[in-house]
Amino acid sequence: MYNVYLLASRRNGTLYCGVTNRLLARVYEHKTKQALGFTTRYGVDQLVWFEGHELENNAITREKRIKRWRRAWKIALIEKTNPDWDDLYWKLGGVDPAVIVPETYRMWERQE
C-alpha cells in the first residue's frame, strides 16, 4: 500500500505533501528530524491527512497533483476528514520518538 500524505506544522500552518509505502516510518523520520530539508527547517511533522493507493504510480500521480493545488484546496481536503487537525500519527499507533527508536521504523541505514 502506498500513501499520499499531508503534514502540517500546526493548524493552518506550513504544509508538506509526500508519498511513501511506509507511512508510520516516514512520519517518524519527520518527527525525529531524520528527513532533512523542508520539513525539518519549518517544523512540519504532524500527519493531518493521508490516503492509500494500491499502485505506486497512482500514488505518485496524486501527490504531484496535490502539490500543484492551491493552499485553500489542501486545507479543505484536510478539514473534510480531520476538521480539528489532529495528528493522525498517534491514532495510527505511532511510537513516541522521545522514548524509542525502533529498527523497524528506519527507512534506510547509513553506510559509512
PDB file of N, CA and C in Angstrom:
ATOM      1  N   MET A   1       0.848  -1.179   0.000  1.00  0.00           N
ATOM      2  CA  MET A   1       0.000   0.000   0.000  1.00  0.00           C
ATOM      3  C   MET A   1       0.891   1.239   0.000  1.00  0.00           C
ATOM      4  N   TYR A   2       0.564   2.168  -0.867  1.00  0.00           N
ATOM      5  CA  TYR A   2       1.291   3.440  -0.953  1.00  0.00           C
ATOM      6  C   TYR A   2       0.371   4.532  -0.432  1.00  0.00           C
ATOM      7  N   ASN A   3       0.930   5.447   0.325  1.00  0.00           N
ATOM      8  CA  ASN A   3       0.145   6.519   0.920  1.00  0.00           C
ATOM      9  C   ASN A   3       0.635   7.877   0.465  1.00  0.00           C
ATOM     10  N   VAL A   4      -0.315   8.708   0.064  1.00  0.00           N
ATOM     11  CA  VAL A   4      -0.063  10.125  -0.154  1.00  0.00           C
ATOM     12  C   VAL A   4      -0.453  10.776   1.166  1.00  0.00           C
ATOM     13  N   TYR A   5       0.355  11.709   1.639  1.00  0.00           N
ATOM     14  CA  TYR A   5       0.080  12.285   2.954  1.00  0.00           C
ATOM     15  C   TYR A   5       0.373  13.771   2.981  1.00  0.00           C
ATOM     16  N   LEU A   6      -0.291  14.449   3.910  1.00  0.00           N
ATOM     17  CA  LEU A   6      -0.039  15.858   4.176  1.00  0.00           C
ATOM     18  C   LEU A   6       0.402  16.004   5.624  1.00  0.00           C
ATOM     19  N   LEU A   7       1.490  16.718   5.814  1.00  0.00           N
ATOM     20  CA  LEU A   7       1.975  17.079   7.140  1.00  0.00           C
ATOM     21  C   LEU A   7       1.757  18.570   7.340  1.00  0.00           C
ATOM     22  N   ALA A   8       1.619  18.978   8.587  1.00  0.00           N
ATOM     23  CA  ALA A   8       1.469  20.397   8.920  1.00  0.00           C
ATOM     24  C   ALA A   8       2.340  20.732  10.116  1.00  0.00           C
ATOM     25  N   SER A   9       2.727  21.985  10.203  1.00  0.00           N
ATOM     26  CA  SER A   9       3.485  22.442  11.365  1.00  0.00           C
ATOM     27  C   SER A   9       2.544  22.700  12.548  1.00  0.00           C
ATOM     28  N   ARG A  10       1.314  23.082  12.226  1.00  0.00           N
ATOM     29  CA  ARG A  10       0.256  23.350  13.202  1.00  0.00           C
ATOM     30  C   ARG A  10      -1.021  23.588  12.403  1.00  0.00           C
ATOM     31  N   ARG A  11      -2.125  23.822  13.065  1.00  0.00           N
ATOM     32  CA  ARG A  11      -3.377  24.118  12.365  1.00  0.00           C
ATOM     33  C   ARG A  11      -3.183  25.347  11.473  1.00  0.00           C
ATOM     34  N   ASN A  12      -3.524  25.217  10.217  1.00  0.00           N
ATOM     35  CA  ASN A  12      -3.362  26.286   9.214  1.00  0.00           C
ATOM     36  C   ASN A  12      -1.917  26.732   9.058  1.00  0.00           C
ATOM     37  N   GLY A  13      -0.975  25.884   9.442  1.00  0.00           N
ATOM     38  CA  GLY A  13       0.437  26.230   9.329  1.00  0.00           C
ATOM     39  C   GLY A  13       1.033  25.786   8.006  1.00  0.00           C
ATOM     40  N   THR A  14       2.336  25.628   8.011  1.00  0.00           N
ATOM     41  CA  THR A  14       3.061  25.190   6.825  1.00  0.00           C
ATOM     42  C   THR A  14       2.667  23.762   6.485  1.00  0.00           C
ATOM     43  N   LEU A  15       2.465  23.487   5.191  1.00  0.00           N
ATOM     44  CA  LEU A  15       2.046  22.165   4.727  1.00  0.00           C
ATOM     45  C   LEU A  15       3.126  21.514   3.879  1.00  0.00           C
ATOM     46  N   TYR A  16       3.142  20.180   3.918  1.00  0.00           N
ATOM     47  CA  TYR A  16       4.059  19.386   3.096  1.00  0.00           C
ATOM     48  C   TYR A  16       3.306  18.172   2.579  1.00  0.00           C
ATOM     49  N   CYS A  17       3.468  17.866   1.310  1.00  0.00           N
ATOM     50  CA  CYS A  17       2.839  16.696   0.707  1.00  0.00           C
ATOM     51  C   CYS A  17       3.915  15.696   0.310  1.00  0.00           C
ATOM     52  N   GLY A  18       3.687  14.420   0.620  1.00  0.00           N
ATOM     53  CA  GLY A  18       4.655  13.386   0.271  1.00  0.00           C
ATOM     54  C   GLY A  18       3.963  12.084  -0.070  1.00  0.00           C
ATOM     55  N   VAL A  19       4.756  11.101  -0.476  1.00  0.00           N
ATOM     56  CA  VAL A  19       4.253   9.766  -0.785  1.00  0.00           C
ATOM     57  C   VAL A  19       5.228   8.739  -0.219  1.00  0.00           C
ATOM     58  N   THR A  20       4.697   7.631   0.301  1.00  0.00           N
ATOM     59  CA  THR A  20       5.532   6.594   0.898  1.00  0.00           C
ATOM     60  C   THR A  20       4.775   5.274   0.926  1.00  0.00           C
ATOM     61  N   ASN A  21       5.498   4.191   1.041  1.00  0.00           N
ATOM     62  CA  ASN A  21       4.850   2.904   1.249  1.00  0.00           C
ATOM     63  C   ASN A  21       5.028   2.435   2.700  1.00  0.00           C
ATOM     64  N   ARG A  22       5.582   3.302   3.558  1.00  0.00           N
ATOM     65  CA  ARG A  22       5.742   3.012   4.989  1.00  0.00           C
ATOM     66  C   ARG A  22       5.371   4.273   5.770  1.00  0.00           C
ATOM     67  N   LEU A  23       4.083   4.515   5.892  1.00  0.00           N
ATOM     68  CA  LEU A  23       3.586   5.783   6.429  1.00  0.00           C
ATOM     69  C   LEU A  23       4.091   6.084   7.836  1.00  0.00           C
ATOM     70  N   LEU A  24       3.894   5.171   8.783  1.00  0.00           N
ATOM     71  CA  LEU A  24       4.336   5.448  10.154  1.00  0.00           C
ATOM     72  C   LEU A  24       5.840   5.660  10.227  1.00  0.00           C
ATOM     73  N   ALA A  25       6.602   4.871   9.482  1.00  0.00           N
ATOM     74  CA  ALA A  25       8.060   5.018   9.488  1.00  0.00           C
ATOM     75  C   ALA A  25       8.462   6.375   8.929  1.00  0.00           C
ATOM     76  N   ARG A  26       7.796   6.801   7.876  1.00  0.00           N
ATOM     77  CA  ARG A  26       8.151   8.076   7.251  1.00  0.00           C
ATOM     78  C   ARG A  26       7.811   9.252   8.162  1.00  0.00           C
ATOM     79  N   VAL A  27       6.646   9.216   8.776  1.00  0.00           N
ATOM     80  CA  VAL A  27       6.263  10.302   9.692  1.00  0.00           C
ATOM     81  C   VAL A  27       7.206  10.317  10.890  1.00  0.00           C
ATOM     82  N   TYR A  28       7.578   9.136  11.369  1.00  0.00           N
ATOM     83  CA  TYR A  28       8.548   9.041  12.469  1.00  0.00           C
ATOM     84  C   TYR A  28       9.847   9.759  12.078  1.00  0.00           C
ATOM     85  N   GLU A  29      10.285   9.561  10.849  1.00  0.00           N
ATOM     86  CA  GLU A  29      11.508  10.234  10.383  1.00  0.00           C
ATOM     87  C   GLU A  29      11.339  11.747  10.387  1.00  0.00           C
ATOM     88  N   HIS A  30      10.165  12.221  10.010  1.00  0.00           N
ATOM     89  CA  HIS A  30       9.911  13.666  10.059  1.00  0.00           C
ATOM     90  C   HIS A  30       9.918  14.156  11.509  1.00  0.00           C
ATOM     91  N   LYS A  31       9.299  13.399  12.398  1.00  0.00           N
ATOM     92  CA  LYS A  31       9.227  13.809  13.801  1.00  0.00           C
ATOM     93  C   LYS A  31      10.593  13.827  14.479  1.00  0.00           C
ATOM     94  N   THR A  32      11.486  12.933  14.079  1.00  0.00           N
ATOM     95  CA  THR A  32      12.814  12.855  14.682  1.00  0.00           C
ATOM     96  C   THR A  32      13.869  13.616  13.880  1.00  0.00           C
ATOM     97  N   LYS A  33      13.416  14.379  12.914  1.00  0.00           N
ATOM     98  CA  LYS A  33      14.299  15.243  12.096  1.00  0.00           C
ATOM     99  C   LYS A  33      15.318  14.448  11.284  1.00  0.00           C
ATOM    100  N   GLN A  34      15.001  13.189  10.964  1.00  0.00           N
ATOM    101  CA  GLN A  34      15.859  12.381  10.107  1.00  0.00           C
ATOM    102  C   GLN A  34      15.641  12.729   8.639  1.00  0.00           C
ATOM    103  N   ALA A  35      14.465  13.270   8.339  1.00  0.00           N
ATOM    104  CA  ALA A  35      14.145  13.676   6.971  1.00  0.00           C
ATOM    105  C   ALA A  35      14.593  15.130   6.824  1.00  0.00           C
ATOM    106  N   LEU A  36      15.848  15.316   6.496  1.00  0.00           N
ATOM    107  CA  LEU A  36      16.408  16.667   6.421  1.00  0.00           C
ATOM    108  C   LEU A  36      15.810  17.435   5.250  1.00  0.00           C
ATOM    109  N   GLY A  37      15.737  18.739   5.397  1.00  0.00           N
ATOM    110  CA  GLY A  37      15.227  19.568   4.318  1.00  0.00           C
ATOM    111  C   GLY A  37      14.058  20.409   4.780  1.00  0.00           C
ATOM    112  N   PHE A  38      13.068  20.547   3.907  1.00  0.00           N
ATOM    113  CA  PHE A  38      11.934  21.430   4.123  1.00  0.00           C
ATOM    114  C   PHE A  38      11.228  21.179   5.453  1.00  0.00           C
ATOM    115  N   THR A  39      10.873  19.930   5.734  1.00  0.00           N
ATOM    116  CA  THR A  39      10.093  19.646   6.937  1.00  0.00           C
ATOM    117  C   THR A  39      10.874  19.918   8.218  1.00  0.00           C
ATOM    118  N   THR A  40      12.162  19.659   8.195  1.00  0.00           N
ATOM    119  CA  THR A  40      12.994  19.953   9.361  1.00  0.00           C
ATOM    120  C   THR A  40      13.135  21.461   9.548  1.00  0.00           C
ATOM    121  N   ARG A  41      13.395  22.146   8.455  1.00  0.00           N
ATOM    122  CA  ARG A  41      13.594  23.597   8.503  1.00  0.00           C
ATOM    123  C   ARG A  41      12.359  24.327   9.029  1.00  0.00           C
ATOM    124  N   TYR A  42      11.152  23.857   8.658  1.00  0.00           N
ATOM    125  CA  TYR A  42       9.929  24.561   9.032  1.00  0.00           C
ATOM    126  C   TYR A  42       9.117  23.854  10.126  1.00  0.00           C
ATOM    127  N   GLY A  43       9.663  22.809  10.729  1.00  0.00           N
ATOM    128  CA  GLY A  43       8.983  22.130  11.833  1.00  0.00           C
ATOM    129  C   GLY A  43       7.677  21.465  11.436  1.00  0.00           C
ATOM    130  N   VAL A  44       7.662  20.872  10.265  1.00  0.00           N
ATOM    131  CA  VAL A  44       6.452  20.236   9.739  1.00  0.00           C
ATOM    132  C   VAL A  44       6.509  18.743  10.057  1.00  0.00           C
ATOM    133  N   ASP A  45       5.718  18.296  11.042  1.00  0.00           N
ATOM    134  CA  ASP A  45       5.796  16.883  11.440  1.00  0.00           C
ATOM    135  C   ASP A  45       4.489  16.294  11.953  1.00  0.00           C
ATOM    136  N   GLN A  46       3.373  16.972  11.743  1.00  0.00           N
ATOM    137  CA  GLN A  46       2.082  16.450  12.186  1.00  0.00           C
ATOM    138  C   GLN A  46       1.319  15.885  10.995  1.00  0.00           C
ATOM    139  N   LEU A  47       1.007  14.605  11.056  1.00  0.00           N
ATOM    140  CA  LEU A  47       0.260  13.948   9.990  1.00  0.00           C
ATOM    141  C   LEU A  47      -1.205  14.366  10.101  1.00  0.00           C
ATOM    142  N   VAL A  48      -1.685  15.133   9.130  1.00  0.00           N
ATOM    143  CA  VAL A  48      -3.058  15.643   9.207  1.00  0.00           C
ATOM    144  C   VAL A  48      -3.987  15.037   8.157  1.00  0.00           C
ATOM    145  N   TRP A  49      -3.432  14.344   7.156  1.00  0.00           N
ATOM    146  CA  TRP A  49      -4.252  13.715   6.120  1.00  0.00           C
ATOM    147  C   TRP A  49      -3.422  12.664   5.392  1.00  0.00           C
ATOM    148  N   PHE A  50      -4.081  11.589   4.970  1.00  0.00           N
ATOM    149  CA  PHE A  50      -3.427  10.602   4.117  1.00  0.00           C
ATOM    150  C   PHE A  50      -4.491   9.806   3.385  1.00  0.00           C
ATOM    151  N   GLU A  51      -4.090   9.217   2.264  1.00  0.00           N
ATOM    152  CA  GLU A  51      -4.965   8.288   1.550  1.00  0.00           C
ATOM    153  C   GLU A  51      -4.116   7.198   0.934  1.00  0.00           C
ATOM    154  N   GLY A  52      -4.674   5.989   0.891  1.00  0.00           N
ATOM    155  CA  GLY A  52      -3.949   4.842   0.396  1.00  0.00           C
ATOM    156  C   GLY A  52      -4.214   4.549  -1.070  1.00  0.00           C
ATOM    157  N   HIS A  53      -3.207   4.009  -1.725  1.00  0.00           N
ATOM    158  CA  HIS A  53      -3.291   3.598  -3.125  1.00  0.00           C
ATOM    159  C   HIS A  53      -2.597   2.252  -3.265  1.00  0.00           C
ATOM    160  N   GLU A  54      -3.189   1.356  -4.025  1.00  0.00           N
ATOM    161  CA  GLU A  54      -2.569   0.052  -4.236  1.00  0.00           C
ATOM    162  C   GLU A  54      -1.378   0.140  -5.181  1.00  0.00           C
ATOM    163  N   LEU A  55      -1.450   1.040  -6.152  1.00  0.00           N
ATOM    164  CA  LEU A  55      -0.389   1.147  -7.152  1.00  0.00           C
ATOM    165  C   LEU A  55       0.488   2.368  -6.895  1.00  0.00           C
ATOM    166  N   GLU A  56       1.788   2.159  -6.958  1.00  0.00           N
ATOM    167  CA  GLU A  56       2.746   3.232  -6.721  1.00  0.00           C
ATOM    168  C   GLU A  56       2.532   4.394  -7.691  1.00  0.00           C
ATOM    169  N   ASN A  57       2.328   4.098  -8.960  1.00  0.00           N
ATOM    170  CA  ASN A  57       2.149   5.163  -9.954  1.00  0.00           C
ATOM    171  C   ASN A  57       0.937   6.034  -9.656  1.00  0.00           C
ATOM    172  N   ASN A  58      -0.142   5.428  -9.177  1.00  0.00           N
ATOM    173  CA  ASN A  58      -1.330   6.207  -8.826  1.00  0.00           C
ATOM    174  C   ASN A  58      -1.043   7.145  -7.654  1.00  0.00           C
ATOM    175  N   ALA A  59      -0.306   6.658  -6.675  1.00  0.00           N
ATOM    176  CA  ALA A  59       0.037   7.476  -5.512  1.00  0.00           C
ATOM    177  C   ALA A  59       0.934   8.645  -5.914  1.00  0.00           C
ATOM    178  N   ILE A  60       1.904   8.379  -6.759  1.00  0.00           N
ATOM    179  CA  ILE A  60       2.816   9.439  -7.205  1.00  0.00           C
ATOM    180  C   ILE A  60       2.069  10.487  -8.024  1.00  0.00           C
ATOM    181  N   THR A  61       1.177  10.038  -8.893  1.00  0.00           N
ATOM    182  CA  THR A  61       0.377  10.977  -9.690  1.00  0.00           C
ATOM    183  C   THR A  61      -0.475  11.854  -8.790  1.00  0.00           C
ATOM    184  N   ARG A  62      -1.115  11.254  -7.793  1.00  0.00           N
ATOM    185  CA  ARG A  62      -1.952  12.009  -6.849  1.00  0.00           C
ATOM    186  C   ARG A  62      -1.108  13.016  -6.064  1.00  0.00           C
ATOM    187  N   GLU A  63       0.056  12.605  -5.603  1.00  0.00           N
ATOM    188  CA  GLU A  63       0.942  13.518  -4.874  1.00  0.00           C
ATOM    189  C   GLU A  63       1.301  14.714  -5.733  1.00  0.00           C
ATOM    190  N   LYS A  64       1.674  14.476  -6.974  1.00  0.00           N
ATOM    191  CA  LYS A  64       2.062  15.572  -7.873  1.00  0.00           C
ATOM    192  C   LYS A  64       0.900  16.530  -8.107  1.00  0.00           C
ATOM    193  N   ARG A  65      -0.309  15.978  -8.230  1.00  0.00           N
ATOM    194  CA  ARG A  65      -1.483  16.849  -8.414  1.00  0.00           C
ATOM    195  C   ARG A  65      -1.726  17.711  -7.187  1.00  0.00           C
ATOM    196  N   ILE A  66      -1.687  17.078  -6.018  1.00  0.00           N
ATOM    197  CA  ILE A  66      -1.931  17.832  -4.783  1.00  0.00           C
ATOM    198  C   ILE A  66      -0.872  18.909  -4.585  1.00  0.00           C
ATOM    199  N   LYS A  67       0.363  18.620  -4.918  1.00  0.00           N
ATOM    200  CA  LYS A  67       1.429  19.621  -4.773  1.00  0.00           C
ATOM    201  C   LYS A  67       1.156  20.867  -5.622  1.00  0.00           C
ATOM    202  N   ARG A  68       0.433  20.703  -6.726  1.00  0.00           N
ATOM    203  CA  ARG A  68       0.115  21.851  -7.592  1.00  0.00           C
ATOM    204  C   ARG A  68      -1.138  22.594  -7.145  1.00  0.00           C
ATOM    205  N   TRP A  69      -1.884  22.016  -6.214  1.00  0.00           N
ATOM    206  CA  TRP A  69      -3.116  22.638  -5.753  1.00  0.00           C
ATOM    207  C   TRP A  69      -2.855  23.950  -5.020  1.00  0.00           C
ATOM    208  N   ARG A  70      -3.876  24.774  -5.006  1.00  0.00           N
ATOM    209  CA  ARG A  70      -3.853  25.981  -4.171  1.00  0.00           C
ATOM    210  C   ARG A  70      -3.915  25.558  -2.706  1.00  0.00           C
ATOM    211  N   ARG A  71      -3.349  26.394  -1.866  1.00  0.00           N
ATOM    212  CA  ARG A  71      -3.325  26.110  -0.429  1.00  0.00           C
ATOM    213  C   ARG A  71      -4.732  25.894   0.127  1.00  0.00           C
ATOM    214  N   ALA A  72      -5.692  26.703  -0.293  1.00  0.00           N
ATOM    215  CA  ALA A  72      -7.077  26.594   0.199  1.00  0.00           C
ATOM    216  C   ALA A  72      -7.667  25.218  -0.112  1.00  0.00           C
ATOM    217  N   TRP A  73      -7.327  24.642  -1.235  1.00  0.00           N
ATOM    218  CA  TRP A  73      -7.826  23.315  -1.601  1.00  0.00           C
ATOM    219  C   TRP A  73      -7.233  22.251  -0.685  1.00  0.00           C
ATOM    220  N   LYS A  74      -5.954  22.402  -0.366  1.00  0.00           N
ATOM    221  CA  LYS A  74      -5.304  21.445   0.544  1.00  0.00           C
ATOM    222  C   LYS A  74      -5.934  21.520   1.930  1.00  0.00           C
ATOM    223  N   ILE A  75      -6.195  22.726   2.390  1.00  0.00           N
ATOM    224  CA  ILE A  75      -6.825  22.910   3.696  1.00  0.00           C
ATOM    225  C   ILE A  75      -8.224  22.292   3.698  1.00  0.00           C
ATOM    226  N   ALA A  76      -8.979  22.484   2.627  1.00  0.00           N
ATOM    227  CA  ALA A  76     -10.313  21.890   2.519  1.00  0.00           C
ATOM    228  C   ALA A  76     -10.234  20.363   2.532  1.00  0.00           C
ATOM    229  N   LEU A  77      -9.227  19.809   1.870  1.00  0.00           N
ATOM    230  CA  LEU A  77      -9.032  18.360   1.852  1.00  0.00           C
ATOM    231  C   LEU A  77      -8.777  17.831   3.265  1.00  0.00           C
ATOM    232  N   ILE A  78      -7.941  18.521   4.007  1.00  0.00           N
ATOM    233  CA  ILE A  78      -7.639  18.133   5.393  1.00  0.00           C
ATOM    234  C   ILE A  78      -8.903  18.217   6.246  1.00  0.00           C
ATOM    235  N   GLU A  79      -9.588  19.349   6.173  1.00  0.00           N
ATOM    236  CA  GLU A  79     -10.722  19.597   7.061  1.00  0.00           C
ATOM    237  C   GLU A  79     -11.942  18.744   6.740  1.00  0.00           C
ATOM    238  N   LYS A  80     -11.979  18.165   5.549  1.00  0.00           N
ATOM    239  CA  LYS A  80     -13.083  17.272   5.189  1.00  0.00           C
ATOM    240  C   LYS A  80     -13.096  16.031   6.080  1.00  0.00           C
ATOM    241  N   THR A  81     -11.916  15.491   6.394  1.00  0.00           N
ATOM    242  CA  THR A  81     -11.837  14.278   7.215  1.00  0.00           C
ATOM    243  C   THR A  81     -11.198  14.509   8.584  1.00  0.00           C
ATOM    244  N   ASN A  82     -10.545  15.644   8.769  1.00  0.00           N
ATOM    245  CA  ASN A  82      -9.847  15.922  10.028  1.00  0.00           C
ATOM    246  C   ASN A  82     -10.045  17.396  10.405  1.00  0.00           C
ATOM    247  N   PRO A  83     -11.281  17.776  10.745  1.00  0.00           N
ATOM    248  CA  PRO A  83     -11.581  19.192  10.999  1.00  0.00           C
ATOM    249  C   PRO A  83     -10.811  19.807  12.168  1.00  0.00           C
ATOM    250  N   ASP A  84     -10.368  18.994  13.101  1.00  0.00           N
ATOM    251  CA  ASP A  84      -9.625  19.512  14.253  1.00  0.00           C
ATOM    252  C   ASP A  84      -8.110  19.488  14.039  1.00  0.00           C
ATOM    253  N   TRP A  85      -7.674  19.043  12.883  1.00  0.00           N
ATOM    254  CA  TRP A  85      -6.252  18.961  12.549  1.00  0.00           C
ATOM    255  C   TRP A  85      -5.497  18.099  13.567  1.00  0.00           C
ATOM    256  N   ASP A  86      -6.102  17.006  13.982  1.00  0.00           N
ATOM    257  CA  ASP A  86      -5.431  16.085  14.902  1.00  0.00           C
ATOM    258  C   ASP A  86      -4.221  15.464  14.218  1.00  0.00           C
ATOM    259  N   ASP A  87      -3.201  15.144  15.004  1.00  0.00           N
ATOM    260  CA  ASP A  87      -2.028  14.448  14.476  1.00  0.00           C
ATOM    261  C   ASP A  87      -2.397  12.971  14.374  1.00  0.00           C
ATOM    262  N   LEU A  88      -2.668  12.503  13.161  1.00  0.00           N
ATOM    263  CA  LEU A  88      -3.147  11.143  12.925  1.00  0.00           C
ATOM    264  C   LEU A  88      -2.086  10.077  13.191  1.00  0.00           C
ATOM    265  N   TYR A  89      -0.845  10.487  13.286  1.00  0.00           N
ATOM    266  CA  TYR A  89       0.241   9.558  13.589  1.00  0.00           C
ATOM    267  C   TYR A  89      -0.055   8.783  14.868  1.00  0.00           C
ATOM    268  N   TRP A  90      -0.546   9.479  15.873  1.00  0.00           N
ATOM    269  CA  TRP A  90      -0.831   8.850  17.162  1.00  0.00           C
ATOM    270  C   TRP A  90      -2.040   7.938  17.061  1.00  0.00           C
ATOM    271  N   LYS A  91      -3.039   8.318  16.288  1.00  0.00           N
ATOM    272  CA  LYS A  91      -4.242   7.494  16.136  1.00  0.00           C
ATOM    273  C   LYS A  91      -3.948   6.210  15.361  1.00  0.00           C
ATOM    274  N   LEU A  92      -2.897   6.222  14.538  1.00  0.00           N
ATOM    275  CA  LEU A  92      -2.496   5.040  13.786  1.00  0.00           C
ATOM    276  C   LEU A  92      -1.554   4.133  14.579  1.00  0.00           C
ATOM    277  N   GLY A  93      -1.228   4.543  15.806  1.00  0.00           N
ATOM    278  CA  GLY A  93      -0.366   3.726  16.657  1.00  0.00           C
ATOM    279  C   GLY A  93       1.102   4.086  16.564  1.00  0.00           C
ATOM    280  N   GLY A  94       1.401   5.311  16.198  1.00  0.00           N
ATOM    281  CA  GLY A  94       2.782   5.764  16.103  1.00  0.00           C
ATOM    282  C   GLY A  94       3.512   5.691  17.435  1.00  0.00           C
ATOM    283  N   VAL A  95       4.816   5.491  17.365  1.00  0.00           N
ATOM    284  CA  VAL A  95       5.665   5.350  18.551  1.00  0.00           C
ATOM    285  C   VAL A  95       6.211   6.716  18.941  1.00  0.00           C
ATOM    286  N   ASP A  96       6.293   6.972  20.244  1.00  0.00           N
ATOM    287  CA  ASP A  96       6.819   8.241  20.740  1.00  0.00           C
ATOM    288  C   ASP A  96       8.303   8.349  20.412  1.00  0.00           C
ATOM    289  N   PRO A  97       8.685   9.315  19.580  1.00  0.00           N
ATOM    290  CA  PRO A  97      10.092   9.461  19.195  1.00  0.00           C
ATOM    291  C   PRO A  97      11.023   9.735  20.371  1.00  0.00           C
ATOM    292  N   ALA A  98      10.503  10.297  21.461  1.00  0.00           N
ATOM    293  CA  ALA A  98      11.341  10.597  22.618  1.00  0.00           C
ATOM    294  C   ALA A  98      11.672   9.349  23.428  1.00  0.00           C
ATOM    295  N   VAL A  99      10.933   8.283  23.244  1.00  0.00           N
ATOM    296  CA  VAL A  99      11.103   7.096  24.058  1.00  0.00           C
ATOM    297  C   VAL A  99      11.924   6.015  23.378  1.00  0.00           C
ATOM    298  N   ILE A 100      11.688   5.778  22.103  1.00  0.00           N
ATOM    299  CA  ILE A 100      12.303   4.622  21.451  1.00  0.00           C
ATOM    300  C   ILE A 100      12.582   4.918  19.974  1.00  0.00           C
ATOM    301  N   VAL A 101      13.621   4.310  19.458  1.00  0.00           N
ATOM    302  CA  VAL A 101      13.934   4.399  18.032  1.00  0.00           C
ATOM    303  C   VAL A 101      13.957   2.958  17.510  1.00  0.00           C
ATOM    304  N   PRO A 102      12.792   2.435  17.162  1.00  0.00           N
ATOM    305  CA  PRO A 102      12.739   1.040  16.731  1.00  0.00           C
ATOM    306  C   PRO A 102      13.380   0.824  15.369  1.00  0.00           C
ATOM    307  N   GLU A 103      14.074  -0.286  15.236  1.00  0.00           N
ATOM    308  CA  GLU A 103      14.732  -0.638  13.972  1.00  0.00           C
ATOM    309  C   GLU A 103      13.734  -0.727  12.831  1.00  0.00           C
ATOM    310  N   THR A 104      12.534  -1.191  13.116  1.00  0.00           N
ATOM    311  CA  THR A 104      11.546  -1.366  12.056  1.00  0.00           C
ATOM    312  C   THR A 104      11.076  -0.041  11.485  1.00  0.00           C
ATOM    313  N   TYR A 105      11.327   1.055  12.189  1.00  0.00           N
ATOM    314  CA  TYR A 105      10.917   2.365  11.700  1.00  0.00           C
ATOM    315  C   TYR A 105      11.970   2.990  10.803  1.00  0.00           C
ATOM    316  N   ARG A 106      13.160   2.453  10.778  1.00  0.00           N
ATOM    317  CA  ARG A 106      14.216   3.044   9.962  1.00  0.00           C
ATOM    318  C   ARG A 106      13.962   2.743   8.496  1.00  0.00           C
ATOM    319  N   MET A 107      14.000   3.771   7.680  1.00  0.00           N
ATOM    320  CA  MET A 107      13.747   3.589   6.254  1.00  0.00           C
ATOM    321  C   MET A 107      15.025   3.163   5.545  1.00  0.00           C
ATOM    322  N   TRP A 108      16.140   3.598   6.035  1.00  0.00           N
ATOM    323  CA  TRP A 108      17.410   3.222   5.449  1.00  0.00           C
ATOM    324  C   TRP A 108      18.490   3.307   6.499  1.00  0.00           C
ATOM    325  N   GLU A 109      19.553   2.617   6.293  1.00  0.00           N
ATOM    326  CA  GLU A 109      20.719   2.663   7.168  1.00  0.00           C
ATOM    327  C   GLU A 109      21.820   3.421   6.459  1.00  0.00           C
ATOM    328  N   ARG A 110      22.508   4.252   7.162  1.00  0.00           N
ATOM    329  CA  ARG A 110      23.646   4.959   6.571  1.00  0.00           C
ATOM    330  C   ARG A 110      24.844   4.021   6.494  1.00  0.00           C
ATOM    331  N   GLN A 111      25.405   3.945   5.348  1.00  0.00           N
ATOM    332  CA  GLN A 111      26.583   3.118   5.125  1.00  0.00           C
ATOM    333  C   GLN A 111      27.818   4.021   5.203  1.00  0.00           C
ATOM    334  N   GLU A 112      28.696   3.748   6.138  1.00  0.00           N
ATOM    335  CA  GLU A 112      29.903   4.587   6.254  1.00  0.00           C
ATOM    336  C   GLU A 112      31.162   3.752   6.138  1.00  0.00           C
TER     337      GLU A 112
END
